[in-house]
Amino acid sequence: MLDATILVVTRTFLISDTHFGHKGVCQFTRDDGSKLRPWDDVDEMDQALIDNWNSTVNPGDKVYHLGDVAMPRSGLKCLEQLNGRKVLIKGNHDSWHLKDYLKYFDDIRGCFYLDGYILTHIPVHPCNLARYKANIHGHLHYRRVLTDDNDIDPRYLCVCVEHTNYKPIDWEQVRARLKNLV
């Protein structure tokens, strides 16, 4: 008789700046005047982000959300619909009581070290990067951390939804991108 053991592979993902429930983010523009996000309606945006997330992440996968989850607080309810075990790296707009977030997240941190990389919401200062392989962060939306020569600084990788096609990005893809940059 054949062994019918099923191997379940769990993956790790990163994402930042979902801004669930935030009507204003649908009106934000880039420096050139183009829309930051393709939606005009916050409910449409929230549903698209939920659908993108769940088509990418399985229930047993781990997701590090690098901050700015929801605005207003009612946007946190979107998290009930998301697959995965979630860890929050708090962002500057994640300002409610921890109990409000603990319903949805397995852990909440200010930053996290993962395989030699530092995960933060706001990019760390360049003088603090020597001890890490790179800084994976959010906060900048469509922008990037630049060098003094206005080149993209390869020590930073932004995982805001605007950089990840509005869905969580697989940790192995992040590592491959950083390996190619450094």
C-alpha atoms as a PDB file:
ATOM      1  CA  MET A   1       0.000   0.000   0.000  1.00  0.00           C
ATOM      2  CA  LEU A   2       1.296   3.461  -0.895  1.00  0.00           C
ATOM      3  CA  ASP A   3       1.892   6.057   1.779  1.00  0.00           C
ATOM      4  CA  ALA A   4      -0.533   8.909   1.180  1.00  0.00           C
ATOM      5  CA  THR A   5       1.425  11.446   3.216  1.00  0.00           C
ATOM      6  CA  ILE A   6       0.872  14.955   1.964  1.00  0.00           C
ATOM      7  CA  LEU A   7       3.753  17.358   2.263  1.00  0.00           C
ATOM      8  CA  VAL A   8       2.567  20.861   3.047  1.00  0.00           C
ATOM      9  CA  VAL A   9       5.080  23.505   2.089  1.00  0.00           C
ATOM     10  CA  THR A  10       4.720  26.793   3.881  1.00  0.00           C
ATOM     11  CA  ARG A  11       6.150  29.931   2.390  1.00  0.00           C
ATOM     12  CA  THR A  12       7.018  33.359   3.758  1.00  0.00           C
ATOM     13  CA  PHE A  13       5.786  36.610   2.239  1.00  0.00           C
ATOM     14  CA  LEU A  14       6.266  40.331   2.796  1.00  0.00           C
ATOM     15  CA  ILE A  15       3.989  43.293   2.121  1.00  0.00           C
ATOM     16  CA  SER A  16       3.594  46.858   3.313  1.00  0.00           C
ATOM     17  CA  ASP A  17       1.251  49.816   3.247  1.00  0.00           C
ATOM     18  CA  THR A  18      -2.049  48.144   2.383  1.00  0.00           C
ATOM     19  CA  HIS A  19      -3.911  51.092   3.968  1.00  0.00           C
ATOM     20  CA  PHE A  20      -7.162  49.098   4.172  1.00  0.00           C
ATOM     21  CA  GLY A  21     -10.142  51.445   4.495  1.00  0.00           C
ATOM     22  CA  HIS A  22      -8.123  54.564   3.628  1.00  0.00           C
ATOM     23  CA  LYS A  23     -10.219  56.575   1.173  1.00  0.00           C
ATOM     24  CA  GLY A  24      -7.530  59.217   0.740  1.00  0.00           C
ATOM     25  CA  VAL A  25      -4.900  56.811  -0.617  1.00  0.00           C
ATOM     26  CA  CYS A  26      -7.150  56.322  -3.689  1.00  0.00           C
ATOM     27  CA  GLN A  27      -6.535  59.999  -4.471  1.00  0.00           C
ATOM     28  CA  PHE A  28      -2.764  60.092  -3.879  1.00  0.00           C
ATOM     29  CA  THR A  29      -0.610  60.949  -6.885  1.00  0.00           C
ATOM     30  CA  ARG A  30       3.002  60.533  -7.901  1.00  0.00           C
ATOM     31  CA  ASP A  31       5.256  63.508  -8.564  1.00  0.00           C
ATOM     32  CA  ASP A  32       4.225  63.425 -12.229  1.00  0.00           C
ATOM     33  CA  GLY A  33       0.523  63.717 -11.293  1.00  0.00           C
ATOM     34  CA  SER A  34      -0.427  60.116 -12.147  1.00  0.00           C
ATOM     35  CA  LYS A  35      -2.530  58.141  -9.660  1.00  0.00           C
ATOM     36  CA  LEU A  36      -0.630  56.165  -7.057  1.00  0.00           C
ATOM     37  CA  ARG A  37      -3.189  53.337  -7.023  1.00  0.00           C
ATOM     38  CA  PRO A  38      -5.533  52.307  -9.839  1.00  0.00           C
ATOM     39  CA  TRP A  39      -8.748  52.460  -7.785  1.00  0.00           C
ATOM     40  CA  ASP A  40     -11.126  55.378  -7.269  1.00  0.00           C
ATOM     41  CA  ASP A  41     -13.228  53.611  -4.617  1.00  0.00           C
ATOM     42  CA  VAL A  42     -11.828  52.384  -1.287  1.00  0.00           C
ATOM     43  CA  ASP A  43     -14.145  49.343  -1.147  1.00  0.00           C
ATOM     44  CA  GLU A  44     -12.974  48.324  -4.620  1.00  0.00           C
ATOM     45  CA  MET A  45      -9.342  48.785  -3.528  1.00  0.00           C
ATOM     46  CA  ASP A  46      -9.824  46.768  -0.345  1.00  0.00           C
ATOM     47  CA  GLN A  47     -11.483  43.904  -2.209  1.00  0.00           C
ATOM     48  CA  ALA A  48      -8.762  43.839  -4.884  1.00  0.00           C
ATOM     49  CA  LEU A  49      -6.033  43.771  -2.203  1.00  0.00           C
ATOM     50  CA  ILE A  50      -7.850  40.940  -0.375  1.00  0.00           C
ATOM     51  CA  ASP A  51      -8.299  38.953  -3.606  1.00  0.00           C
ATOM     52  CA  ASN A  52      -4.651  39.479  -4.614  1.00  0.00           C
ATOM     53  CA  TRP A  53      -3.457  38.444  -1.149  1.00  0.00           C
ATOM     54  CA  ASN A  54      -5.578  35.286  -1.014  1.00  0.00           C
ATOM     55  CA  SER A  55      -4.639  34.211  -4.536  1.00  0.00           C
ATOM     56  CA  THR A  56      -0.971  34.400  -3.445  1.00  0.00           C
ATOM     57  CA  VAL A  57      -0.901  33.303   0.205  1.00  0.00           C
ATOM     58  CA  ASN A  58      -2.104  29.936   1.534  1.00  0.00           C
ATOM     59  CA  PRO A  59      -3.655  29.617   5.017  1.00  0.00           C
ATOM     60  CA  GLY A  60      -0.480  28.112   6.547  1.00  0.00           C
ATOM     61  CA  ASP A  61       1.954  30.609   5.013  1.00  0.00           C
ATOM     62  CA  LYS A  62       3.592  33.377   7.062  1.00  0.00           C
ATOM     63  CA  VAL A  63       3.233  37.030   6.073  1.00  0.00           C
ATOM     64  CA  TYR A  64       5.277  39.882   7.497  1.00  0.00           C
ATOM     65  CA  HIS A  65       3.244  43.067   7.083  1.00  0.00           C
ATOM     66  CA  LEU A  66       5.694  45.964   7.311  1.00  0.00           C
ATOM     67  CA  GLY A  67       3.234  48.502   8.574  1.00  0.00           C
ATOM     68  CA  ASP A  68       0.450  50.927   7.736  1.00  0.00           C
ATOM     69  CA  VAL A  69      -2.162  48.192   7.675  1.00  0.00           C
ATOM     70  CA  ALA A  70      -5.365  50.203   7.857  1.00  0.00           C
ATOM     71  CA  MET A  71      -6.775  53.703   8.180  1.00  0.00           C
ATOM     72  CA  PRO A  72      -9.274  54.172   9.811  1.00  0.00           C
ATOM     73  CA  ARG A  73      -9.468  51.475  12.482  1.00  0.00           C
ATOM     74  CA  SER A  74     -12.511  49.952  10.755  1.00  0.00           C
ATOM     75  CA  GLY A  75     -10.176  48.933   7.908  1.00  0.00           C
ATOM     76  CA  LEU A  76      -8.655  46.337  10.236  1.00  0.00           C
ATOM     77  CA  LYS A  77     -11.742  44.173   9.602  1.00  0.00           C
ATOM     78  CA  CYS A  78     -10.322  43.392   6.145  1.00  0.00           C
ATOM     79  CA  LEU A  79      -7.655  41.337   7.930  1.00  0.00           C
ATOM     80  CA  GLU A  80     -10.310  38.766   8.915  1.00  0.00           C
ATOM     81  CA  GLN A  81     -10.496  37.744   5.262  1.00  0.00           C
ATOM     82  CA  LEU A  82      -6.752  37.289   4.662  1.00  0.00           C
ATOM     83  CA  ASN A  83      -4.958  33.947   4.429  1.00  0.00           C
ATOM     84  CA  GLY A  84      -1.806  33.237   6.374  1.00  0.00           C
ATOM     85  CA  ARG A  85      -0.273  33.674   9.783  1.00  0.00           C
ATOM     86  CA  LYS A  86       0.520  37.351  10.039  1.00  0.00           C
ATOM     87  CA  VAL A  87       3.249  39.290  11.851  1.00  0.00           C
ATOM     88  CA  LEU A  88       2.988  43.085  12.039  1.00  0.00           C
ATOM     89  CA  ILE A  89       6.035  45.314  11.949  1.00  0.00           C
ATOM     90  CA  LYS A  90       4.335  48.495  13.145  1.00  0.00           C
ATOM     91  CA  GLY A  91       4.232  51.498  10.855  1.00  0.00           C
ATOM     92  CA  ASN A  92       3.765  55.170  11.575  1.00  0.00           C
ATOM     93  CA  HIS A  93      -0.009  54.890  10.969  1.00  0.00           C
ATOM     94  CA  ASP A  94      -0.438  51.769  13.134  1.00  0.00           C
ATOM     95  CA  SER A  95      -1.235  53.872  16.158  1.00  0.00           C
ATOM     96  CA  TRP A  96      -4.098  52.102  17.932  1.00  0.00           C
ATOM     97  CA  HIS A  97      -3.828  49.908  21.002  1.00  0.00           C
ATOM     98  CA  LEU A  98      -2.037  46.592  20.579  1.00  0.00           C
ATOM     99  CA  LYS A  99      -5.244  44.741  21.506  1.00  0.00           C
ATOM    100  CA  ASP A 100      -6.814  46.094  18.292  1.00  0.00           C
ATOM    101  CA  TYR A 101      -4.086  44.384  16.231  1.00  0.00           C
ATOM    102  CA  LEU A 102      -3.705  41.180  18.266  1.00  0.00           C
ATOM    103  CA  LYS A 103      -7.030  39.897  16.904  1.00  0.00           C
ATOM    104  CA  TYR A 104      -5.385  39.592  13.498  1.00  0.00           C
ATOM    105  CA  PHE A 105      -1.631  39.164  14.056  1.00  0.00           C
ATOM    106  CA  ASP A 106       0.328  36.343  15.704  1.00  0.00           C
ATOM    107  CA  ASP A 107       3.056  38.787  16.708  1.00  0.00           C
ATOM    108  CA  ILE A 108       3.685  42.536  16.646  1.00  0.00           C
ATOM    109  CA  ARG A 109       7.147  44.077  16.498  1.00  0.00           C
ATOM    110  CA  GLY A 110       8.964  47.346  15.904  1.00  0.00           C
ATOM    111  CA  CYS A 111      11.422  45.605  13.569  1.00  0.00           C
ATOM    112  CA  PHE A 112      12.468  42.042  12.837  1.00  0.00           C
ATOM    113  CA  TYR A 113      15.680  40.318  11.796  1.00  0.00           C
ATOM    114  CA  LEU A 114      15.220  37.660   9.112  1.00  0.00           C
ATOM    115  CA  ASP A 115      18.221  35.757   7.755  1.00  0.00           C
ATOM    116  CA  GLY A 116      20.556  38.726   8.259  1.00  0.00           C
ATOM    117  CA  TYR A 117      18.141  41.310   6.841  1.00  0.00           C
ATOM    118  CA  ILE A 118      16.320  43.916   8.914  1.00  0.00           C
ATOM    119  CA  LEU A 119      12.586  44.342   8.310  1.00  0.00           C
ATOM    120  CA  THR A 120      11.219  47.775   9.210  1.00  0.00           C
ATOM    121  CA  HIS A 121       8.443  50.103   8.189  1.00  0.00           C
ATOM    122  CA  ILE A 122      10.496  53.267   7.738  1.00  0.00           C
ATOM    123  CA  PRO A 123      13.926  52.697   6.111  1.00  0.00           C
ATOM    124  CA  VAL A 124      16.775  52.692   8.625  1.00  0.00           C
ATOM    125  CA  HIS A 125      19.491  55.322   8.402  1.00  0.00           C
ATOM    126  CA  PRO A 126      22.368  54.269   6.090  1.00  0.00           C
ATOM    127  CA  CYS A 127      24.920  54.461   8.921  1.00  0.00           C
ATOM    128  CA  ASN A 128      23.050  51.603  10.645  1.00  0.00           C
ATOM    129  CA  LEU A 129      23.163  49.183   7.708  1.00  0.00           C
ATOM    130  CA  ALA A 130      26.677  47.741   8.178  1.00  0.00           C
ATOM    131  CA  ARG A 131      25.401  44.998  10.481  1.00  0.00           C
ATOM    132  CA  TYR A 132      22.687  43.803   8.038  1.00  0.00           C
ATOM    133  CA  LYS A 133      22.688  42.359   4.546  1.00  0.00           C
ATOM    134  CA  ALA A 134      20.024  44.924   3.583  1.00  0.00           C
ATOM    135  CA  ASN A 135      16.921  46.740   4.835  1.00  0.00           C
ATOM    136  CA  ILE A 136      13.524  45.529   3.628  1.00  0.00           C
ATOM    137  CA  HIS A 137      10.991  48.227   4.366  1.00  0.00           C
ATOM    138  CA  GLY A 138       7.765  49.994   3.458  1.00  0.00           C
ATOM    139  CA  HIS A 139       6.611  53.593   3.966  1.00  0.00           C
ATOM    140  CA  LEU A 140       7.866  55.106   0.700  1.00  0.00           C
ATOM    141  CA  HIS A 141       5.011  53.852  -1.504  1.00  0.00           C
ATOM    142  CA  TYR A 142       6.303  54.328  -5.069  1.00  0.00           C
ATOM    143  CA  ARG A 143       9.595  55.975  -4.101  1.00  0.00           C
ATOM    144  CA  ARG A 144      12.965  54.298  -3.422  1.00  0.00           C
ATOM    145  CA  VAL A 145      15.932  55.070  -1.199  1.00  0.00           C
ATOM    146  CA  LEU A 146      18.567  56.749  -3.367  1.00  0.00           C
ATOM    147  CA  THR A 147      22.323  57.133  -3.105  1.00  0.00           C
ATOM    148  CA  ASP A 148      24.041  60.524  -3.147  1.00  0.00           C
ATOM    149  CA  ASP A 149      24.322  60.069  -6.943  1.00  0.00           C
ATOM    150  CA  ASN A 150      20.524  59.603  -7.232  1.00  0.00           C
ATOM    151  CA  ASP A 151      20.841  55.902  -8.060  1.00  0.00           C
ATOM    152  CA  ILE A 152      18.658  53.312  -6.321  1.00  0.00           C
ATOM    153  CA  ASP A 153      20.508  52.249  -3.175  1.00  0.00           C
ATOM    154  CA  PRO A 154      20.914  48.441  -3.438  1.00  0.00           C
ATOM    155  CA  ARG A 155      20.961  48.069   0.350  1.00  0.00           C
ATOM    156  CA  TYR A 156      17.220  48.812   0.520  1.00  0.00           C
ATOM    157  CA  LEU A 157      14.169  47.072  -0.894  1.00  0.00           C
ATOM    158  CA  CYS A 158      10.702  48.593  -0.610  1.00  0.00           C
ATOM    159  CA  VAL A 159       7.821  46.100  -0.381  1.00  0.00           C
ATOM    160  CA  CYS A 160       4.984  48.625  -0.438  1.00  0.00           C
ATOM    161  CA  VAL A 161       2.064  47.300  -2.461  1.00  0.00           C
ATOM    162  CA  GLU A 162       2.950  49.752  -5.235  1.00  0.00           C
ATOM    163  CA  HIS A 163       6.217  47.798  -5.733  1.00  0.00           C
ATOM    164  CA  THR A 164       4.734  44.283  -5.434  1.00  0.00           C
ATOM    165  CA  ASN A 165       1.816  44.436  -7.871  1.00  0.00           C
ATOM    166  CA  TYR A 166      -0.566  45.010  -4.945  1.00  0.00           C
ATOM    167  CA  LYS A 167       0.006  41.591  -3.364  1.00  0.00           C
ATOM    168  CA  PRO A 168       2.444  39.966  -0.930  1.00  0.00           C
ATOM    169  CA  ILE A 169       5.834  39.094  -2.409  1.00  0.00           C
ATOM    170  CA  ASP A 170       7.467  35.730  -1.758  1.00  0.00           C
ATOM    171  CA  TRP A 171      10.533  35.840   0.513  1.00  0.00           C
ATOM    172  CA  GLU A 172      12.569  33.852  -2.027  1.00  0.00           C
ATOM    173  CA  GLN A 173      11.817  36.483  -4.693  1.00  0.00           C
ATOM    174  CA  VAL A 174      12.897  39.205  -2.264  1.00  0.00           C
ATOM    175  CA  ARG A 175      16.183  37.394  -1.564  1.00  0.00           C
ATOM    176  CA  ALA A 176      16.803  36.938  -5.295  1.00  0.00           C
ATOM    177  CA  ARG A 177      16.141  40.635  -5.988  1.00  0.00           C
ATOM    178  CA  LEU A 178      18.510  41.693  -3.222  1.00  0.00           C
ATOM    179  CA  LYS A 179      21.183  39.245  -4.369  1.00  0.00           C
ATOM    180  CA  ASN A 180      21.028  40.795  -7.834  1.00  0.00           C
ATOM    181  CA  LEU A 181      21.241  44.341  -6.464  1.00  0.00           C
ATOM    182  CA  VAL A 182      24.102  43.967  -4.016  1.00  0.00           C
END
